Amino acid sequence: MVLQKPGNVTIDVTVSIDGVVALSAVSVTFTSGNWNQPQTITLQGLADGVYTGNRSVEVTLSVNDALTDAAYDAVPDVVFPVHVIDMDPIPNIDLIATAFAVADHTAADGSTSVTFTVANPGTAASGSFQTQIVWSPNDIIGDGDDVLLPETLQTFTGLNAGTDESRTVTAVIGRSALFSQALLANPAGQPVGTVSQLPGHLFLIVDSTNAVIEIDETNNSGTGPLIDSDIVSYFPWDTNGNGTIEPLEALAAIQAIGTAAALQDYDGNGIVTPLEALSAIQRIGYGRMLMAPAPPSTIASTFPDTVEPQQAVAGPVSVAAILSSRPAAESNEALIAESREAPSAVVGSAWASVSPLGQVPNLFPEAKDEPQEKGLPIRDELSNAIEVDRIYEHFDWLTLF
């Protein structure tokens, strides 16, 4: 104390966190006999044999009003920080992912199951920790566009040294986010046979809350494909699962406009829109990534009575495949003959009549009434099937993706 005051003054000493430091005294008292003598309180870090890392605590000096003259009641507390260095040995714990596999790479319904394995190759047991899976529209984790998937949160009670544990969870990404990413990964106007090379990814984060102090804190995520990440390549237009978007699938999307048809509701909002149908038309002939397994063949389309049955049945060779593989120099007659043998998705003059999109223009206004073979309309000796490549030209009046 600087000046002698009447009565005793008791100062209490407290620490903000218990079990980190030990105090040599929890209070000191100044009297009329020692008011001008310094009193020392020693703080010592506690060696508990468990490494918890360096920590900061606050030490507070406050007047004990009950034991001190009322003249000192207004004296404010004094708080100062103390940095405690943990001298206990750092345990050799290292939590890492060793396997990560997505069951359905197409995430056809907006979700997929994921199986992963977490290991502790260290020499000490870990405490409790959590894992978390995130979805990213690209192959980078931590760039600001990651989406946390809360239902994938897993709690582990701990892993002994040299052990691992596998878990399977369901990752619900949502068809809206997946469809937006699919449109970017498969831009319209590309050649027939284009295959997406920009899939989304699921990433595993081990010890996502940093609850465990590890010998290496840099390997909890972003290690590599099939270790702690895997591809999700949403490709909703391929409803029959054969790997290619066919004219028949685009036609099914047009027919489903205004309905809640699940297969054609690509963004999962509960209704099929003209823009969803247009997105299928714009991508006829595109291919799904080969490493992504095909979804079940569950195409379910109902065609109006105005279309002949043979026009609604996919043949062994699609028209899109014929158009993409046919050399330009070959005759139109050969194309007609081949398309008649495999009527994959003949739309012809019947297209406008089966489309529920009222303002879609007739795609083939110049079609003539001429003899037909096997139900295929003929225009100027050319099969209307060859008009598939020209569908884009008739949709300039819509906003394209």
Protein backbone atom coordinates (compact mmCIF):
# COMPACT_ATOMS: atom_id res chain seq x y z
CA MET A 1 0.00 0.00 0.00
CA VAL A 2 1.17 3.51 -0.73
CA LEU A 3 -0.53 5.35 2.14
CA GLN A 4 -1.43 4.15 5.59
CA LYS A 5 -5.17 3.82 6.05
CA PRO A 6 -7.25 3.07 9.13
CA GLY A 7 -8.31 -0.56 9.53
CA ASN A 8 -7.21 -3.72 7.71
CA VAL A 9 -7.27 -4.34 3.92
CA THR A 10 -7.63 -7.95 2.63
CA ILE A 11 -6.90 -8.70 -1.04
CA ASP A 12 -8.24 -11.93 -2.54
CA VAL A 13 -6.38 -13.65 -5.40
CA THR A 14 -8.27 -15.83 -7.90
CA VAL A 15 -7.40 -17.64 -11.15
CA SER A 16 -9.80 -17.83 -14.10
CA ILE A 17 -9.17 -21.55 -14.81
CA ASP A 18 -8.82 -24.21 -12.12
CA GLY A 19 -6.09 -26.83 -12.28
CA VAL A 20 -3.68 -24.84 -14.42
CA VAL A 21 -1.62 -22.94 -11.83
CA ALA A 22 -1.14 -23.20 -8.08
CA LEU A 23 -1.14 -20.13 -5.82
CA SER A 24 1.12 -19.81 -2.80
CA ALA A 25 -1.69 -17.88 -1.10
CA VAL A 26 -5.27 -17.07 -2.00
CA SER A 27 -5.30 -13.76 -0.09
CA VAL A 28 -3.06 -11.23 1.67
CA THR A 29 -3.92 -8.76 4.44
CA PHE A 30 -2.39 -5.35 5.08
CA THR A 31 -2.57 -3.95 8.62
CA SER A 32 -1.39 -0.84 10.36
CA GLY A 33 1.80 -2.76 11.14
CA ASN A 34 2.75 -3.92 7.60
CA TRP A 35 0.87 -1.55 5.32
CA ASN A 36 4.17 -0.42 3.73
CA GLN A 37 5.70 -3.91 3.31
CA PRO A 38 5.38 -5.76 -0.06
CA GLN A 39 3.68 -9.14 0.05
CA THR A 40 4.45 -11.78 -2.59
CA ILE A 41 2.17 -14.41 -4.07
CA THR A 42 3.79 -17.10 -6.23
CA LEU A 43 2.08 -18.77 -9.17
CA GLN A 44 3.34 -22.14 -10.37
CA GLY A 45 2.17 -24.21 -13.30
CA LEU A 46 0.76 -27.61 -12.37
CA ALA A 47 2.57 -30.66 -13.79
CA ASP A 48 -0.25 -33.17 -14.16
CA GLY A 49 1.52 -35.47 -16.62
CA VAL A 50 -1.03 -34.74 -19.35
CA TYR A 51 -0.13 -32.45 -22.21
CA THR A 52 -2.94 -29.98 -22.82
CA GLY A 53 -0.93 -27.31 -24.63
CA ASN A 54 0.12 -23.82 -23.59
CA ARG A 55 -2.68 -21.81 -22.02
CA SER A 56 -3.42 -18.30 -20.84
CA VAL A 57 -5.21 -17.58 -17.56
CA GLU A 58 -6.27 -14.41 -15.79
CA VAL A 59 -5.29 -13.60 -12.21
CA THR A 60 -7.62 -11.20 -10.41
CA LEU A 61 -6.84 -9.14 -7.29
CA SER A 62 -9.97 -7.88 -5.53
CA VAL A 63 -10.76 -6.25 -2.21
CA ASN A 64 -12.57 -8.56 0.21
CA ASP A 65 -15.32 -6.19 1.33
CA ALA A 66 -16.35 -8.35 4.28
CA LEU A 67 -12.83 -8.28 5.78
CA THR A 68 -11.83 -4.76 4.79
CA ASP A 69 -12.63 -1.29 6.10
CA ALA A 70 -15.60 0.22 4.25
CA ALA A 71 -13.36 3.03 3.02
CA TYR A 72 -11.93 0.58 0.44
CA ASP A 73 -15.22 -0.71 -1.00
CA ALA A 74 -14.88 1.40 -4.15
CA VAL A 75 -11.42 0.12 -5.06
CA PRO A 76 -11.73 -1.67 -8.50
CA ASP A 77 -10.40 -5.14 -9.20
CA VAL A 78 -7.04 -5.55 -10.91
CA VAL A 79 -6.76 -8.25 -13.63
CA PHE A 80 -3.57 -9.35 -15.34
CA PRO A 81 -2.87 -12.21 -17.77
CA VAL A 82 -0.54 -15.12 -17.07
CA HIS A 83 0.81 -17.36 -19.88
CA VAL A 84 1.34 -20.97 -18.76
CA ILE A 85 3.74 -23.15 -20.76
CA ASP A 86 2.87 -26.85 -20.63
CA MET A 87 6.09 -28.80 -20.02
CA ASP A 88 4.46 -32.24 -20.07
CA PRO A 89 5.58 -34.43 -22.99
CA ILE A 90 3.51 -34.10 -26.18
CA PRO A 91 1.68 -37.39 -26.79
CA ASN A 92 2.29 -39.17 -30.08
CA ILE A 93 -1.31 -39.12 -31.35
CA ASP A 94 -2.10 -38.73 -35.03
CA LEU A 95 -5.68 -39.02 -36.26
CA ILE A 96 -5.90 -39.53 -40.02
CA ALA A 97 -8.32 -40.84 -42.63
CA THR A 98 -7.17 -43.95 -44.47
CA ALA A 99 -10.17 -44.70 -46.72
CA PHE A 100 -13.13 -42.75 -48.09
CA ALA A 101 -15.64 -44.05 -50.65
CA VAL A 102 -18.88 -42.64 -52.04
CA ALA A 103 -21.48 -45.32 -52.85
CA ASP A 104 -23.42 -43.44 -55.55
CA HIS A 105 -21.19 -40.98 -57.40
CA THR A 106 -24.20 -39.54 -59.23
CA ALA A 107 -26.09 -38.78 -55.98
CA ALA A 108 -29.20 -39.29 -58.09
CA ASP A 109 -31.66 -38.41 -55.32
CA GLY A 110 -29.48 -35.66 -53.87
CA SER A 111 -27.74 -37.90 -51.37
CA THR A 112 -25.36 -40.81 -51.11
CA SER A 113 -23.93 -43.07 -48.44
CA VAL A 114 -20.25 -42.66 -47.62
CA THR A 115 -17.97 -45.17 -45.91
CA PHE A 116 -14.75 -43.94 -44.33
CA THR A 117 -12.03 -45.16 -41.99
CA VAL A 118 -10.16 -43.15 -39.35
CA ALA A 119 -6.90 -44.45 -37.86
CA ASN A 120 -4.47 -43.50 -35.10
CA PRO A 121 -0.98 -44.59 -36.18
CA GLY A 122 0.53 -42.89 -33.13
CA THR A 123 1.82 -44.49 -29.96
CA ALA A 124 -0.73 -43.02 -27.54
CA ALA A 125 -4.50 -43.30 -27.27
CA SER A 126 -6.60 -40.35 -28.32
CA GLY A 127 -9.49 -38.86 -26.45
CA SER A 128 -12.94 -38.21 -27.85
CA PHE A 129 -13.12 -36.48 -31.23
CA GLN A 130 -15.56 -35.79 -34.06
CA THR A 131 -15.54 -36.12 -37.84
CA GLN A 132 -17.49 -34.06 -40.35
CA ILE A 133 -18.13 -34.30 -44.11
CA VAL A 134 -18.45 -31.26 -46.37
CA TRP A 135 -19.50 -30.93 -50.02
CA SER A 136 -17.65 -28.67 -52.43
CA PRO A 137 -18.61 -27.85 -56.03
CA ASN A 138 -14.92 -28.21 -56.94
CA ASP A 139 -11.86 -30.19 -55.84
CA ILE A 140 -10.67 -27.64 -53.25
CA ILE A 141 -11.56 -27.71 -49.59
CA GLY A 142 -11.47 -24.48 -47.62
CA ASP A 143 -11.92 -22.01 -50.49
CA GLY A 144 -15.14 -20.53 -49.14
CA ASP A 145 -17.73 -22.50 -51.13
CA ASP A 146 -17.81 -25.63 -48.96
CA VAL A 147 -21.18 -26.78 -47.57
CA LEU A 148 -21.22 -28.42 -44.15
CA LEU A 149 -23.42 -31.54 -44.08
CA PRO A 150 -24.65 -31.67 -40.44
CA GLU A 151 -26.16 -35.15 -40.65
CA THR A 152 -22.67 -36.59 -41.28
CA LEU A 153 -21.33 -35.47 -37.89
CA GLN A 154 -19.86 -38.46 -36.05
CA THR A 155 -18.48 -38.70 -32.49
CA PHE A 156 -15.72 -41.19 -31.66
CA THR A 157 -14.99 -42.03 -28.00
CA GLY A 158 -11.33 -42.35 -28.93
CA LEU A 159 -8.86 -44.55 -30.77
CA ASN A 160 -6.11 -46.57 -29.12
CA ALA A 161 -2.63 -46.43 -30.61
CA GLY A 162 -2.36 -48.42 -33.83
CA THR A 163 -6.11 -48.94 -34.27
CA ASP A 164 -8.74 -47.72 -36.72
CA GLU A 165 -12.51 -47.57 -37.03
CA SER A 166 -14.85 -47.45 -40.04
CA ARG A 167 -18.22 -45.77 -40.26
CA THR A 168 -20.93 -45.35 -42.90
CA VAL A 169 -23.06 -42.20 -43.03
CA THR A 170 -25.57 -40.65 -45.39
CA ALA A 171 -24.49 -37.38 -46.97
CA VAL A 172 -27.52 -35.27 -47.97
CA ILE A 173 -26.30 -32.61 -50.39
CA GLY A 174 -29.59 -31.56 -51.95
CA ARG A 175 -30.57 -31.66 -55.63
CA SER A 176 -30.76 -27.87 -55.93
CA ALA A 177 -27.06 -27.38 -55.14
CA LEU A 178 -26.12 -30.42 -57.21
CA PHE A 179 -28.11 -29.24 -60.24
CA SER A 180 -26.52 -25.78 -60.13
CA GLN A 181 -23.10 -27.41 -60.09
CA ALA A 182 -24.08 -29.83 -62.87
CA LEU A 183 -25.09 -26.95 -65.16
CA LEU A 184 -21.67 -25.37 -64.68
CA ALA A 185 -19.85 -28.67 -65.12
CA ASN A 186 -21.80 -29.49 -68.30
CA PRO A 187 -22.24 -26.18 -70.17
CA ALA A 188 -24.70 -26.09 -73.05
CA GLY A 189 -23.55 -25.97 -76.65
CA GLN A 190 -20.77 -28.53 -76.44
CA PRO A 191 -20.22 -31.26 -79.06
CA VAL A 192 -22.00 -34.61 -78.86
CA GLY A 193 -19.91 -36.93 -76.70
CA THR A 194 -18.79 -34.20 -74.28
CA VAL A 195 -18.04 -35.65 -70.85
CA SER A 196 -17.97 -33.53 -67.70
CA GLN A 197 -14.56 -33.08 -66.11
CA LEU A 198 -15.60 -30.74 -63.30
CA PRO A 199 -17.36 -32.86 -60.66
CA GLY A 200 -18.15 -31.86 -57.12
CA HIS A 201 -16.42 -33.52 -54.17
CA LEU A 202 -17.16 -34.78 -50.69
CA PHE A 203 -14.40 -34.22 -48.12
CA LEU A 204 -13.87 -35.73 -44.66
CA ILE A 205 -12.52 -33.59 -41.83
CA VAL A 206 -11.02 -35.61 -38.97
CA ASP A 207 -11.09 -34.09 -35.47
CA SER A 208 -13.18 -31.25 -36.89
CA THR A 209 -13.32 -29.36 -33.57
CA ASN A 210 -9.58 -29.78 -32.80
CA ALA A 211 -10.42 -31.57 -29.56
CA VAL A 212 -7.30 -33.79 -29.71
CA ILE A 213 -3.75 -32.49 -29.61
CA GLU A 214 -1.89 -34.37 -32.30
CA ILE A 215 1.72 -34.74 -33.29
CA ASP A 216 0.68 -33.57 -36.77
CA GLU A 217 -2.28 -31.22 -37.10
CA THR A 218 -1.92 -30.73 -40.86
CA ASN A 219 -3.22 -34.09 -42.10
CA ASN A 220 -6.81 -34.01 -40.83
CA SER A 221 -8.21 -33.16 -44.27
CA GLY A 222 -7.22 -32.66 -47.90
CA THR A 223 -4.92 -35.69 -48.02
CA GLY A 224 -6.14 -37.09 -51.34
CA PRO A 225 -8.81 -38.94 -53.36
CA LEU A 226 -10.21 -42.12 -51.80
CA ILE A 227 -8.29 -41.31 -48.61
CA ASP A 228 -10.44 -38.46 -47.34
CA SER A 229 -12.32 -37.31 -50.48
CA ASP A 230 -14.29 -38.67 -53.43
CA ILE A 231 -16.14 -37.42 -56.49
CA VAL A 232 -19.85 -36.65 -56.76
CA SER A 233 -20.82 -36.14 -60.41
CA TYR A 234 -24.53 -35.32 -60.51
CA PHE A 235 -25.83 -36.05 -64.02
CA PRO A 236 -29.63 -35.91 -63.71
CA TRP A 237 -30.48 -35.93 -67.43
CA ASP A 238 -29.30 -39.55 -67.85
CA THR A 239 -32.50 -41.00 -66.40
CA ASN A 240 -32.12 -44.46 -67.94
CA GLY A 241 -28.60 -44.88 -66.58
CA ASN A 242 -26.85 -45.81 -69.82
CA GLY A 243 -24.30 -43.02 -69.51
CA THR A 244 -25.55 -40.77 -72.35
CA ILE A 245 -28.32 -38.18 -72.57
CA GLU A 246 -30.63 -39.38 -75.33
CA PRO A 247 -33.37 -37.52 -77.25
CA LEU A 248 -35.95 -39.79 -75.62
CA GLU A 249 -34.88 -38.49 -72.21
CA ALA A 250 -35.18 -34.88 -73.37
CA LEU A 251 -38.64 -35.66 -74.75
CA ALA A 252 -39.64 -37.16 -71.40
CA ALA A 253 -38.54 -33.94 -69.69
CA ILE A 254 -40.72 -31.86 -72.05
CA GLN A 255 -43.70 -34.09 -71.36
CA ALA A 256 -43.17 -33.74 -67.60
CA ILE A 257 -43.29 -29.91 -67.57
CA GLY A 258 -45.66 -28.73 -64.86
CA THR A 259 -45.71 -32.09 -63.09
CA ALA A 260 -43.89 -33.44 -60.05
CA ALA A 261 -42.14 -36.20 -62.00
CA ALA A 262 -39.19 -37.09 -59.79
CA LEU A 263 -36.84 -38.16 -62.58
CA GLN A 264 -37.22 -34.91 -64.52
CA ASP A 265 -37.37 -32.62 -61.45
CA TYR A 266 -33.62 -32.13 -61.68
CA ASP A 267 -33.36 -29.48 -58.95
CA GLY A 268 -35.74 -31.26 -56.57
CA ASN A 269 -38.06 -28.29 -56.02
CA GLY A 270 -41.19 -30.39 -56.60
CA ILE A 271 -42.12 -29.33 -60.14
CA VAL A 272 -40.59 -29.76 -63.59
CA THR A 273 -40.00 -26.39 -65.26
CA PRO A 274 -39.47 -25.50 -68.94
CA LEU A 275 -35.89 -24.54 -68.14
CA GLU A 276 -35.23 -27.99 -66.73
CA ALA A 277 -36.57 -29.54 -69.92
CA LEU A 278 -34.50 -27.13 -71.99
CA SER A 279 -31.38 -28.07 -70.05
CA ALA A 280 -31.90 -31.68 -71.15
CA ILE A 281 -32.43 -30.69 -74.79
CA GLN A 282 -29.26 -28.59 -74.76
CA ARG A 283 -27.21 -31.54 -73.55
CA ILE A 284 -28.38 -34.35 -75.83
CA GLY A 285 -25.43 -36.61 -76.55
CA TYR A 286 -23.42 -35.59 -73.47
CA GLY A 287 -21.82 -38.40 -71.48
CA ARG A 288 -21.55 -39.07 -67.77
CA MET A 289 -18.12 -39.36 -66.14
CA LEU A 290 -16.93 -42.93 -66.61
CA MET A 291 -15.75 -43.38 -63.02
CA ALA A 292 -19.24 -42.63 -61.71
CA PRO A 293 -21.34 -45.82 -61.67
CA ALA A 294 -24.67 -45.60 -63.47
CA PRO A 295 -27.85 -45.26 -61.40
CA PRO A 296 -30.53 -47.94 -61.80
CA SER A 297 -32.40 -47.91 -65.10
CA THR A 298 -35.66 -46.48 -63.82
CA ILE A 299 -36.85 -44.24 -66.65
CA ALA A 300 -40.62 -43.96 -66.46
CA SER A 301 -42.21 -42.00 -69.29
CA THR A 302 -45.79 -42.16 -70.54
CA PHE A 303 -46.33 -41.10 -74.12
CA PRO A 304 -49.64 -39.78 -75.54
CA ASP A 305 -51.72 -41.93 -77.89
CA THR A 306 -50.75 -39.66 -80.78
CA VAL A 307 -47.28 -41.23 -80.90
CA GLU A 308 -46.88 -44.68 -82.38
CA PRO A 309 -45.48 -47.28 -79.92
CA GLN A 310 -42.41 -47.97 -82.01
CA GLN A 311 -41.53 -44.28 -81.81
CA ALA A 312 -41.32 -44.42 -78.02
CA VAL A 313 -39.09 -47.47 -77.71
CA ALA A 314 -35.32 -47.05 -77.66
CA GLY A 315 -33.52 -49.21 -80.17
CA PRO A 316 -30.06 -50.76 -79.81
CA VAL A 317 -28.38 -47.69 -81.32
CA SER A 318 -29.41 -44.14 -80.43
CA VAL A 319 -29.96 -41.46 -83.03
CA ALA A 320 -27.49 -39.26 -81.18
CA ALA A 321 -24.88 -41.99 -81.49
CA ILE A 322 -25.64 -42.37 -85.21
CA LEU A 323 -25.24 -38.64 -85.78
CA SER A 324 -22.00 -38.44 -83.83
CA SER A 325 -20.41 -41.46 -85.52
CA ARG A 326 -21.63 -41.03 -89.10
CA PRO A 327 -18.95 -39.57 -91.44
CA ALA A 328 -20.21 -36.43 -93.15
CA ALA A 329 -19.54 -37.84 -96.59
CA GLU A 330 -21.92 -40.81 -96.24
CA SER A 331 -25.25 -40.65 -98.01
CA ASN A 332 -28.50 -39.55 -96.44
CA GLU A 333 -30.10 -42.79 -97.62
CA ALA A 334 -27.72 -44.80 -95.43
CA LEU A 335 -28.61 -42.62 -92.45
CA ILE A 336 -32.30 -43.12 -93.11
CA ALA A 337 -31.91 -46.89 -93.31
CA GLU A 338 -29.92 -47.08 -90.06
CA SER A 339 -32.30 -44.84 -88.16
CA ARG A 340 -35.23 -46.96 -89.32
CA GLU A 341 -33.56 -50.03 -87.89
CA ALA A 342 -33.02 -48.36 -84.53
CA PRO A 343 -35.74 -45.75 -83.86
CA SER A 344 -34.20 -44.51 -80.60
CA ALA A 345 -36.09 -41.24 -80.19
CA VAL A 346 -37.89 -40.25 -83.34
CA VAL A 347 -39.63 -36.97 -82.73
CA GLY A 348 -40.38 -35.79 -86.26
CA SER A 349 -43.60 -33.98 -86.99
CA ALA A 350 -45.18 -35.41 -83.84
CA TRP A 351 -42.88 -33.36 -81.54
CA ALA A 352 -45.12 -30.32 -81.28
CA SER A 353 -48.23 -32.41 -80.68
CA VAL A 354 -46.79 -34.33 -77.70
CA SER A 355 -45.15 -31.34 -76.05
CA PRO A 356 -47.13 -29.78 -73.18
CA LEU A 357 -45.10 -26.58 -73.62
CA GLY A 358 -47.77 -24.63 -75.45
CA GLN A 359 -45.55 -22.04 -77.11
CA VAL A 360 -42.85 -24.35 -78.43
CA PRO A 361 -42.78 -23.72 -82.20
CA ASN A 362 -43.26 -26.60 -84.62
CA LEU A 363 -39.75 -27.87 -85.11
CA PHE A 364 -40.41 -29.14 -88.63
CA PRO A 365 -42.93 -26.80 -90.32
CA GLU A 366 -41.84 -27.84 -93.81
CA ALA A 367 -42.58 -31.57 -93.32
CA LYS A 368 -44.46 -33.11 -96.24
CA ASP A 369 -47.04 -35.87 -96.30
CA GLU A 370 -45.08 -38.62 -97.97
CA PRO A 371 -44.99 -42.42 -97.65
CA GLN A 372 -43.63 -43.71 -94.38
CA GLU A 373 -41.80 -46.87 -93.48
CA LYS A 374 -42.03 -48.36 -90.00
CA GLY A 375 -43.75 -45.22 -88.71
CA LEU A 376 -40.92 -42.79 -89.48
CA PRO A 377 -42.00 -39.45 -91.02
CA ILE A 378 -39.92 -38.57 -94.11
CA ARG A 379 -39.00 -35.05 -95.24
CA ASP A 380 -37.26 -34.57 -98.56
CA GLU A 381 -35.94 -38.13 -98.37
CA LEU A 382 -34.26 -37.44 -95.03
CA SER A 383 -35.30 -39.04 -91.78
CA ASN A 384 -36.57 -36.47 -89.29
CA ALA A 385 -34.25 -38.17 -86.82
CA ILE A 386 -31.37 -36.13 -88.26
CA GLU A 387 -33.13 -33.00 -87.01
CA VAL A 388 -32.06 -33.92 -83.46
CA ASP A 389 -28.83 -31.97 -83.91
CA ARG A 390 -30.84 -28.88 -84.88
CA ILE A 391 -33.04 -28.73 -81.79
CA TYR A 392 -30.92 -25.93 -80.34
CA GLU A 393 -31.79 -23.64 -83.28
CA HIS A 394 -35.48 -23.66 -82.37
CA PHE A 395 -35.01 -22.48 -78.79
CA ASP A 396 -33.26 -19.15 -79.40
CA TRP A 397 -36.39 -17.48 -78.02
CA LEU A 398 -35.70 -18.90 -74.56
CA THR A 399 -33.02 -17.79 -72.16
CA LEU A 400 -30.30 -20.40 -72.43
CA PHE A 401 -28.23 -21.63 -69.48
